[in-house]
Amino acid sequence: MAKKKETKLSDDVSKIFDQTSSPWITMKKALWIIASTSIMMAVLTGIQTIPVLGWLEGSMWSLLYGGLIWLIFFGMLWFNKKVKRL
């Protein structure tokens, strides 16, 4: 009788885990959000740095900040893949 309760409990836990581990946003939508966010961040950084630092250095900083958003996004994807394999 105890084994039936354990299997029922483990089935319930596995169902809950499957529900919580499923993605809540599609990859297509995530890429669209990251693309728009990185463009907006690059533009805002350029608007603030170009008058102070000049076109060359201001453009470099704006591209750097826009690119770092992509680096963080793909870094977290890689990290989540590694953690899920454990």
N, C-alpha and C. Protein backbone atom coordinates (compact mmCIF):
# COMPACT_ATOMS: atom_id res chain seq x y z
N MET A 1 0.81 -1.18 0.00
CA MET A 1 0.00 0.00 0.00
C MET A 1 0.88 1.27 0.00
N ALA A 2 2.00 1.23 0.66
CA ALA A 2 2.88 2.38 0.71
C ALA A 2 3.49 2.67 -0.65
N LYS A 3 3.73 1.63 -1.44
CA LYS A 3 4.32 1.84 -2.76
C LYS A 3 3.36 2.58 -3.69
N LYS A 4 2.07 2.32 -3.57
CA LYS A 4 1.10 3.02 -4.41
C LYS A 4 1.08 4.51 -4.10
N LYS A 5 1.21 4.87 -2.83
CA LYS A 5 1.25 6.28 -2.47
C LYS A 5 2.51 6.94 -2.99
N GLU A 6 3.64 6.24 -2.93
CA GLU A 6 4.89 6.80 -3.42
C GLU A 6 4.83 7.03 -4.92
N THR A 7 4.29 6.09 -5.68
CA THR A 7 4.22 6.28 -7.13
C THR A 7 3.25 7.39 -7.48
N LYS A 8 2.14 7.47 -6.74
CA LYS A 8 1.19 8.55 -7.00
C LYS A 8 1.84 9.89 -6.70
N LEU A 9 2.59 9.97 -5.61
CA LEU A 9 3.27 11.20 -5.25
C LEU A 9 4.33 11.56 -6.29
N SER A 10 5.10 10.59 -6.74
CA SER A 10 6.13 10.88 -7.74
C SER A 10 5.51 11.26 -9.08
N ASP A 11 4.35 10.68 -9.42
CA ASP A 11 3.66 11.07 -10.65
C ASP A 11 3.18 12.51 -10.56
N ASP A 12 2.65 12.89 -9.40
CA ASP A 12 2.19 14.26 -9.21
C ASP A 12 3.36 15.24 -9.30
N VAL A 13 4.47 14.89 -8.69
CA VAL A 13 5.64 15.76 -8.71
C VAL A 13 6.17 15.88 -10.14
N SER A 14 6.22 14.79 -10.88
CA SER A 14 6.71 14.87 -12.26
C SER A 14 5.78 15.70 -13.14
N LYS A 15 4.47 15.63 -12.91
CA LYS A 15 3.53 16.46 -13.68
C LYS A 15 3.74 17.94 -13.38
N ILE A 16 3.93 18.26 -12.11
CA ILE A 16 4.16 19.65 -11.73
C ILE A 16 5.47 20.14 -12.31
N PHE A 17 6.51 19.30 -12.25
CA PHE A 17 7.81 19.69 -12.79
C PHE A 17 7.73 19.92 -14.29
N ASP A 18 6.99 19.06 -15.02
CA ASP A 18 6.83 19.23 -16.45
C ASP A 18 6.11 20.53 -16.78
N GLN A 19 5.13 20.88 -15.97
CA GLN A 19 4.40 22.12 -16.21
C GLN A 19 5.27 23.35 -15.94
N THR A 20 6.08 23.30 -14.92
CA THR A 20 6.89 24.47 -14.57
C THR A 20 8.13 24.58 -15.44
N SER A 21 8.60 23.51 -16.03
CA SER A 21 9.81 23.59 -16.84
C SER A 21 9.53 23.92 -18.29
N SER A 22 8.28 24.01 -18.69
CA SER A 22 7.97 24.36 -20.06
C SER A 22 8.15 25.87 -20.26
N PRO A 23 8.61 26.28 -21.43
CA PRO A 23 8.84 27.71 -21.65
C PRO A 23 7.54 28.49 -21.68
N TRP A 24 7.55 29.70 -21.19
CA TRP A 24 6.36 30.52 -21.14
C TRP A 24 6.30 31.50 -22.30
N ILE A 25 7.35 31.54 -23.14
CA ILE A 25 7.39 32.41 -24.30
C ILE A 25 8.08 31.65 -25.43
N THR A 26 7.63 31.87 -26.66
CA THR A 26 8.23 31.17 -27.79
C THR A 26 9.58 31.79 -28.14
N MET A 27 10.41 31.01 -28.83
CA MET A 27 11.73 31.51 -29.20
C MET A 27 11.62 32.66 -30.21
N LYS A 28 10.65 32.58 -31.10
CA LYS A 28 10.46 33.64 -32.09
C LYS A 28 10.13 34.96 -31.41
N LYS A 29 9.23 34.91 -30.45
CA LYS A 29 8.84 36.12 -29.72
C LYS A 29 10.02 36.62 -28.88
N ALA A 30 10.77 35.71 -28.28
CA ALA A 30 11.92 36.12 -27.47
C ALA A 30 12.98 36.82 -28.32
N LEU A 31 13.23 36.29 -29.52
CA LEU A 31 14.21 36.93 -30.40
C LEU A 31 13.74 38.31 -30.84
N TRP A 32 12.43 38.44 -31.07
CA TRP A 32 11.88 39.75 -31.44
C TRP A 32 12.05 40.75 -30.29
N ILE A 33 11.78 40.31 -29.09
CA ILE A 33 11.91 41.18 -27.92
C ILE A 33 13.37 41.58 -27.70
N ILE A 34 14.27 40.62 -27.82
CA ILE A 34 15.70 40.90 -27.63
C ILE A 34 16.20 41.84 -28.72
N ALA A 35 15.77 41.63 -29.96
CA ALA A 35 16.19 42.50 -31.06
C ALA A 35 15.71 43.94 -30.83
N SER A 36 14.46 44.10 -30.48
CA SER A 36 13.94 45.46 -30.26
C SER A 36 14.59 46.10 -29.04
N THR A 37 14.82 45.32 -28.00
CA THR A 37 15.46 45.86 -26.80
C THR A 37 16.90 46.28 -27.08
N SER A 38 17.63 45.48 -27.83
CA SER A 38 19.02 45.82 -28.11
C SER A 38 19.11 47.05 -29.00
N ILE A 39 18.20 47.18 -29.96
CA ILE A 39 18.20 48.37 -30.82
C ILE A 39 17.87 49.62 -30.01
N MET A 40 16.85 49.51 -29.15
CA MET A 40 16.49 50.66 -28.32
C MET A 40 17.62 51.04 -27.37
N MET A 41 18.29 50.04 -26.81
CA MET A 41 19.39 50.32 -25.89
C MET A 41 20.56 50.98 -26.62
N ALA A 42 20.84 50.50 -27.84
CA ALA A 42 21.92 51.09 -28.62
C ALA A 42 21.59 52.54 -28.99
N VAL A 43 20.36 52.80 -29.38
CA VAL A 43 19.96 54.16 -29.74
C VAL A 43 20.02 55.09 -28.52
N LEU A 44 19.48 54.65 -27.40
CA LEU A 44 19.51 55.48 -26.20
C LEU A 44 20.94 55.75 -25.72
N THR A 45 21.79 54.75 -25.81
CA THR A 45 23.19 54.94 -25.41
C THR A 45 23.88 55.90 -26.36
N GLY A 46 23.59 55.76 -27.66
CA GLY A 46 24.17 56.67 -28.65
C GLY A 46 23.72 58.10 -28.45
N ILE A 47 22.43 58.30 -28.15
CA ILE A 47 21.92 59.64 -27.91
C ILE A 47 22.63 60.30 -26.73
N GLN A 48 22.94 59.52 -25.73
CA GLN A 48 23.57 60.09 -24.53
C GLN A 48 25.08 60.24 -24.66
N THR A 49 25.75 59.37 -25.41
CA THR A 49 27.21 59.41 -25.44
C THR A 49 27.79 60.17 -26.62
N ILE A 50 27.10 60.22 -27.74
CA ILE A 50 27.67 60.89 -28.92
C ILE A 50 27.93 62.38 -28.68
N PRO A 51 27.02 63.13 -28.05
CA PRO A 51 27.34 64.55 -27.80
C PRO A 51 28.54 64.75 -26.87
N VAL A 52 28.78 63.82 -25.99
CA VAL A 52 29.86 63.98 -25.01
C VAL A 52 31.19 63.44 -25.55
N LEU A 53 31.16 62.25 -26.16
CA LEU A 53 32.40 61.57 -26.56
C LEU A 53 32.74 61.70 -28.05
N GLY A 54 31.80 62.11 -28.86
CA GLY A 54 32.04 62.18 -30.29
C GLY A 54 31.43 60.97 -31.00
N TRP A 55 31.40 61.05 -32.33
CA TRP A 55 30.71 60.02 -33.12
C TRP A 55 31.37 58.64 -33.02
N LEU A 56 32.67 58.59 -33.12
CA LEU A 56 33.36 57.30 -33.15
C LEU A 56 33.22 56.56 -31.82
N GLU A 57 33.59 57.20 -30.74
CA GLU A 57 33.53 56.53 -29.44
C GLU A 57 32.09 56.32 -28.97
N GLY A 58 31.22 57.28 -29.26
CA GLY A 58 29.81 57.13 -28.88
C GLY A 58 29.15 55.98 -29.63
N SER A 59 29.46 55.83 -30.91
CA SER A 59 28.92 54.72 -31.69
C SER A 59 29.45 53.39 -31.19
N MET A 60 30.72 53.36 -30.80
CA MET A 60 31.30 52.13 -30.28
C MET A 60 30.59 51.70 -29.00
N TRP A 61 30.34 52.64 -28.10
CA TRP A 61 29.66 52.31 -26.85
C TRP A 61 28.23 51.86 -27.08
N SER A 62 27.55 52.50 -28.02
CA SER A 62 26.17 52.11 -28.28
C SER A 62 26.11 50.72 -28.89
N LEU A 63 27.01 50.38 -29.80
CA LEU A 63 27.05 49.03 -30.36
C LEU A 63 27.44 48.00 -29.30
N LEU A 64 28.33 48.39 -28.41
CA LEU A 64 28.73 47.48 -27.34
C LEU A 64 27.55 47.15 -26.42
N TYR A 65 26.80 48.16 -26.02
CA TYR A 65 25.66 47.91 -25.14
C TYR A 65 24.57 47.12 -25.85
N GLY A 66 24.33 47.41 -27.13
CA GLY A 66 23.35 46.62 -27.88
C GLY A 66 23.78 45.17 -28.03
N GLY A 67 25.08 44.94 -28.25
CA GLY A 67 25.60 43.58 -28.39
C GLY A 67 25.63 42.81 -27.08
N LEU A 68 25.84 43.51 -25.98
CA LEU A 68 25.87 42.84 -24.68
C LEU A 68 24.52 42.24 -24.32
N ILE A 69 23.44 42.84 -24.79
CA ILE A 69 22.12 42.26 -24.55
C ILE A 69 22.01 40.90 -25.22
N TRP A 70 22.54 40.78 -26.45
CA TRP A 70 22.54 39.49 -27.14
C TRP A 70 23.45 38.49 -26.43
N LEU A 71 24.59 38.97 -25.94
CA LEU A 71 25.51 38.09 -25.22
C LEU A 71 24.85 37.53 -23.96
N ILE A 72 24.15 38.37 -23.22
CA ILE A 72 23.46 37.93 -22.01
C ILE A 72 22.37 36.93 -22.36
N PHE A 73 21.61 37.21 -23.42
CA PHE A 73 20.53 36.32 -23.83
C PHE A 73 21.05 34.93 -24.20
N PHE A 74 22.03 34.87 -25.08
CA PHE A 74 22.56 33.57 -25.49
C PHE A 74 23.36 32.89 -24.37
N GLY A 75 23.97 33.69 -23.51
CA GLY A 75 24.65 33.11 -22.35
C GLY A 75 23.68 32.43 -21.40
N MET A 76 22.53 33.05 -21.19
CA MET A 76 21.52 32.43 -20.32
C MET A 76 20.91 31.19 -20.98
N LEU A 77 20.73 31.20 -22.29
CA LEU A 77 20.25 30.00 -22.98
C LEU A 77 21.24 28.85 -22.79
N TRP A 78 22.52 29.15 -22.96
CA TRP A 78 23.56 28.13 -22.79
C TRP A 78 23.57 27.62 -21.35
N PHE A 79 23.49 28.53 -20.38
CA PHE A 79 23.50 28.15 -18.97
C PHE A 79 22.30 27.26 -18.63
N ASN A 80 21.12 27.61 -19.12
CA ASN A 80 19.93 26.82 -18.84
C ASN A 80 20.03 25.43 -19.46
N LYS A 81 20.62 25.32 -20.65
CA LYS A 81 20.82 24.00 -21.25
C LYS A 81 21.74 23.15 -20.39
N LYS A 82 22.81 23.75 -19.89
CA LYS A 82 23.76 23.01 -19.06
C LYS A 82 23.13 22.59 -17.74
N VAL A 83 22.34 23.45 -17.13
CA VAL A 83 21.72 23.13 -15.85
C VAL A 83 20.65 22.05 -16.01
N LYS A 84 19.90 22.09 -17.09
CA LYS A 84 18.85 21.09 -17.30
C LYS A 84 19.43 19.70 -17.53
N ARG A 85 20.67 19.63 -18.04
CA ARG A 85 21.29 18.31 -18.26
C ARG A 85 21.73 17.65 -16.97
N LEU A 86 21.90 18.43 -15.92
CA LEU A 86 22.40 17.85 -14.66
C LEU A 86 21.39 17.00 -13.99
